[in-house]
Amino acid sequence: MNKTKNFLTIGCLTLAALLIGLGLADGGYQDVLNKAVFLCYECIGIG
């Protein structure tokens, strides 16, 4: 049981790191940043 749990934990962490790396390599962080900036502008009434 404990060995299976450790394997699943390591597998999930590895997959998460891989997907984060792919998102960064693809430039996905720019989309998130742009959406955050526009949301802030709308909140304060500029956009």
C-alpha atoms as a PDB file:
ATOM      1  CA  MET A   1       0.000   0.000   0.000  1.00  0.00           C
ATOM      2  CA  ASN A   2       2.669   2.483   1.035  1.00  0.00           C
ATOM      3  CA  LYS A   3       4.845   1.632  -1.975  1.00  0.00           C
ATOM      4  CA  THR A   4       1.917   2.169  -4.352  1.00  0.00           C
ATOM      5  CA  LYS A   5       1.094   5.493  -2.694  1.00  0.00           C
ATOM      6  CA  ASN A   6       4.697   6.669  -3.065  1.00  0.00           C
ATOM      7  CA  PHE A   7       4.727   5.616  -6.728  1.00  0.00           C
ATOM      8  CA  LEU A   8       1.510   7.536  -7.439  1.00  0.00           C
ATOM      9  CA  THR A   9       2.796  10.612  -5.617  1.00  0.00           C
ATOM     10  CA  ILE A  10       6.060  10.637  -7.556  1.00  0.00           C
ATOM     11  CA  GLY A  11       4.195  10.001 -10.813  1.00  0.00           C
ATOM     12  CA  CYS A  12       1.774  12.884 -10.226  1.00  0.00           C
ATOM     13  CA  LEU A  13       4.563  15.280  -9.269  1.00  0.00           C
ATOM     14  CA  THR A  14       6.589  14.296 -12.319  1.00  0.00           C
ATOM     15  CA  LEU A  15       3.591  14.761 -14.605  1.00  0.00           C
ATOM     16  CA  ALA A  16       2.823  18.151 -13.032  1.00  0.00           C
ATOM     17  CA  ALA A  17       6.417  19.318 -13.517  1.00  0.00           C
ATOM     18  CA  LEU A  18       6.355  18.135 -17.131  1.00  0.00           C
ATOM     19  CA  LEU A  19       3.102  19.958 -17.901  1.00  0.00           C
ATOM     20  CA  ILE A  20       4.318  23.146 -16.205  1.00  0.00           C
ATOM     21  CA  GLY A  21       7.496  22.974 -18.273  1.00  0.00           C
ATOM     22  CA  LEU A  22       5.523  22.482 -21.489  1.00  0.00           C
ATOM     23  CA  GLY A  23       3.273  25.426 -20.624  1.00  0.00           C
ATOM     24  CA  LEU A  24       6.254  27.672 -19.975  1.00  0.00           C
ATOM     25  CA  ALA A  25       7.969  26.555 -23.175  1.00  0.00           C
ATOM     26  CA  ASP A  26       4.796  27.238 -25.163  1.00  0.00           C
ATOM     27  CA  GLY A  27       4.469  30.772 -23.771  1.00  0.00           C
ATOM     28  CA  GLY A  28       1.263  30.081 -21.864  1.00  0.00           C
ATOM     29  CA  TYR A  29       2.352  32.375 -19.061  1.00  0.00           C
ATOM     30  CA  GLN A  30       1.913  35.360 -21.390  1.00  0.00           C
ATOM     31  CA  ASP A  31      -1.770  34.517 -21.866  1.00  0.00           C
ATOM     32  CA  VAL A  32      -2.275  34.345 -18.114  1.00  0.00           C
ATOM     33  CA  LEU A  33      -0.431  37.629 -17.577  1.00  0.00           C
ATOM     34  CA  ASN A  34      -2.462  39.410 -20.273  1.00  0.00           C
ATOM     35  CA  LYS A  35      -5.748  38.190 -18.812  1.00  0.00           C
ATOM     36  CA  ALA A  36      -4.679  39.313 -15.337  1.00  0.00           C
ATOM     37  CA  VAL A  37      -3.751  42.786 -16.572  1.00  0.00           C
ATOM     38  CA  PHE A  38      -7.052  43.252 -18.423  1.00  0.00           C
ATOM     39  CA  LEU A  39      -8.985  42.024 -15.389  1.00  0.00           C
ATOM     40  CA  CYS A  40      -7.233  44.555 -13.167  1.00  0.00           C
ATOM     41  CA  TYR A  41      -7.949  47.349 -15.640  1.00  0.00           C
ATOM     42  CA  GLU A  42     -11.631  46.418 -15.685  1.00  0.00           C
ATOM     43  CA  CYS A  43     -11.762  46.349 -11.875  1.00  0.00           C
ATOM     44  CA  ILE A  44     -10.465  49.894 -11.511  1.00  0.00           C
ATOM     45  CA  GLY A  45     -12.531  51.188 -14.414  1.00  0.00           C
ATOM     46  CA  ILE A  46      -9.823  51.945 -16.968  1.00  0.00           C
ATOM     47  CA  GLY A  47     -10.533  49.187 -19.520  1.00  0.00           C
END
